[in-house]
C-alpha atoms as a PDB file:
ATOM      1  CA  MET A   1       0.323   0.277  -0.277  1.00  0.00           C
ATOM      2  CA  ASP A   2       1.445   3.215  -1.272  1.00  0.00           C
ATOM      3  CA  THR A   3      -1.017   5.751  -0.366  1.00  0.00           C
ATOM      4  CA  GLN A   4      -0.277   8.262   3.256  1.00  0.00           C
ATOM      5  CA  PRO A   5      -3.112   7.995   4.695  1.00  0.00           C
ATOM      6  CA  PRO A   6      -5.790  11.381   5.792  1.00  0.00           C
ATOM      7  CA  GLU A   7      -3.921  13.750   7.901  1.00  0.00           C
ATOM      8  CA  ILE A   8      -6.531  14.095  10.345  1.00  0.00           C
ATOM      9  CA  ALA A   9      -6.918  17.139  13.347  1.00  0.00           C
ATOM     10  CA  CYS A  10      -9.434  15.727  16.678  1.00  0.00           C
ATOM     11  CA  ASP A  11     -10.207  19.763  16.388  1.00  0.00           C
ATOM     12  CA  GLN A  12     -11.261  20.063  13.029  1.00  0.00           C
ATOM     13  CA  PRO A  13     -14.849  17.170  13.084  1.00  0.00           C
ATOM     14  CA  GLU A  14     -14.745  17.723   9.058  1.00  0.00           C
ATOM     15  CA  SER A  15     -10.800  15.862   8.744  1.00  0.00           C
ATOM     16  CA  ILE A  16     -12.652  12.976  10.516  1.00  0.00           C
ATOM     17  CA  LYS A  17     -15.417  12.739   8.853  1.00  0.00           C
ATOM     18  CA  GLN A  18     -13.611  11.813   5.354  1.00  0.00           C
ATOM     19  CA  LEU A  19     -12.597   8.517   6.723  1.00  0.00           C
ATOM     20  CA  PRO A  20     -14.496   5.441   6.010  1.00  0.00           C
ATOM     21  CA  ASN A  21     -17.192   4.560   9.051  1.00  0.00           C
ATOM     22  CA  ASP A  22     -14.370   1.923  10.572  1.00  0.00           C
ATOM     23  CA  ALA A  23     -11.547   4.822  10.356  1.00  0.00           C
ATOM     24  CA  GLN A  24     -13.667   7.513  11.589  1.00  0.00           C
ATOM     25  CA  GLU A  25     -14.467   4.683  15.235  1.00  0.00           C
ATOM     26  CA  ILE A  26     -11.203   4.973  15.840  1.00  0.00           C
ATOM     27  CA  ALA A  27      -9.670   7.863  15.283  1.00  0.00           C
ATOM     28  CA  VAL A  28     -12.447   8.799  17.384  1.00  0.00           C
ATOM     29  CA  GLU A  29     -11.393   7.034  20.215  1.00  0.00           C
ATOM     30  CA  PHE A  30      -7.916   7.744  19.497  1.00  0.00           C
ATOM     31  CA  CYS A  31      -8.667  12.329  19.887  1.00  0.00           C
ATOM     32  CA  ASN A  32     -10.818  11.253  22.856  1.00  0.00           C
ATOM     33  CA  GLN A  33      -7.644   9.612  24.261  1.00  0.00           C
ATOM     34  CA  SER A  34      -5.343  11.812  23.843  1.00  0.00           C
ATOM     35  CA  LYS A  35      -7.499  14.925  25.426  1.00  0.00           C
ATOM     36  CA  LYS A  36      -7.413  12.205  28.539  1.00  0.00           C
ATOM     37  CA  ILE A  37      -4.130  11.579  28.594  1.00  0.00           C
ATOM     38  CA  ALA A  38      -3.131  15.246  28.432  1.00  0.00           C
ATOM     39  CA  ALA A  39      -5.545  16.885  30.732  1.00  0.00           C
ATOM     40  CA  ASP A  40      -4.378  13.837  33.197  1.00  0.00           C
ATOM     41  CA  SER A  41      -0.377  15.175  32.039  1.00  0.00           C
ATOM     42  CA  GLY A  42      -2.457  18.751  33.263  1.00  0.00           C
ATOM     43  CA  LEU A  43      -1.298  20.257  30.240  1.00  0.00           C
ATOM     44  CA  SER A  44      -3.908  21.885  28.209  1.00  0.00           C
ATOM     45  CA  SER A  45      -5.161  20.716  24.304  1.00  0.00           C
ATOM     46  CA  ASP A  46      -3.286  24.132  23.297  1.00  0.00           C
ATOM     47  CA  ASP A  47      -0.032  22.980  25.406  1.00  0.00           C
ATOM     48  CA  PHE A  48      -0.736  19.393  24.652  1.00  0.00           C
ATOM     49  CA  ASN A  49      -0.461  20.090  20.418  1.00  0.00           C
ATOM     50  CA  ALA A  50       2.184  22.716  20.672  1.00  0.00           C
ATOM     51  CA  ILE A  51       4.589  20.538  22.302  1.00  0.00           C
ATOM     52  CA  THR A  52       4.042  17.325  19.357  1.00  0.00           C
ATOM     53  CA  GLU A  53       5.116  20.863  16.845  1.00  0.00           C
ATOM     54  CA  ASN A  54       7.898  21.301  18.375  1.00  0.00           C
ATOM     55  CA  ALA A  55       8.958  18.202  19.066  1.00  0.00           C
ATOM     56  CA  GLN A  56       8.016  17.294  15.364  1.00  0.00           C
ATOM     57  CA  LYS A  57      10.030  20.519  13.779  1.00  0.00           C
ATOM     58  CA  ASP A  58      13.028  20.002  16.732  1.00  0.00           C
ATOM     59  CA  ALA A  59      15.318  16.481  16.593  1.00  0.00           C
ATOM     60  CA  THR A  60      16.393  17.090  19.728  1.00  0.00           C
ATOM     61  CA  PHE A  61      13.601  18.285  21.519  1.00  0.00           C
ATOM     62  CA  LYS A  62      11.988  15.084  20.168  1.00  0.00           C
ATOM     63  CA  LYS A  63      15.124  13.791  21.359  1.00  0.00           C
ATOM     64  CA  ARG A  64      14.269  14.773  25.455  1.00  0.00           C
ATOM     65  CA  ILE A  65      11.061  13.538  25.173  1.00  0.00           C
ATOM     66  CA  GLN A  66      11.565  10.449  23.897  1.00  0.00           C
ATOM     67  CA  ASN A  67      14.501   9.868  26.980  1.00  0.00           C
ATOM     68  CA  ALA A  68      11.537  11.272  29.682  1.00  0.00           C
ATOM     69  CA  MET A  69       9.068   9.055  28.623  1.00  0.00           C
ATOM     70  CA  ILE A  70      11.971   5.995  28.925  1.00  0.00           C
ATOM     71  CA  ARG A  71      12.972   7.307  32.712  1.00  0.00           C
ATOM     72  CA  ILE A  72       9.405   7.825  33.552  1.00  0.00           C
ATOM     73  CA  ARG A  73       8.551   4.020  32.649  1.00  0.00           C
ATOM     74  CA  ARG A  74      11.882   2.720  34.657  1.00  0.00           C
ATOM     75  CA  PRO A  75      10.513   0.828  37.559  1.00  0.00           C
END
């Protein structure tokens, strides 16, 4: 399969509506879980999105996030 999945944005319902029905259910569940994780971490949606955007643009920042996640998961 050489096609890329369509871009979706949880705050743009029209981007989810373009998906097949079964994929819409998965996308909605993903968005709901992402929102809960952000809220449980004390982040607003805007904060979470800003962090995500910065991680996509800055490899060093992304690596810092990955290292922090590894540290958190260690017993």
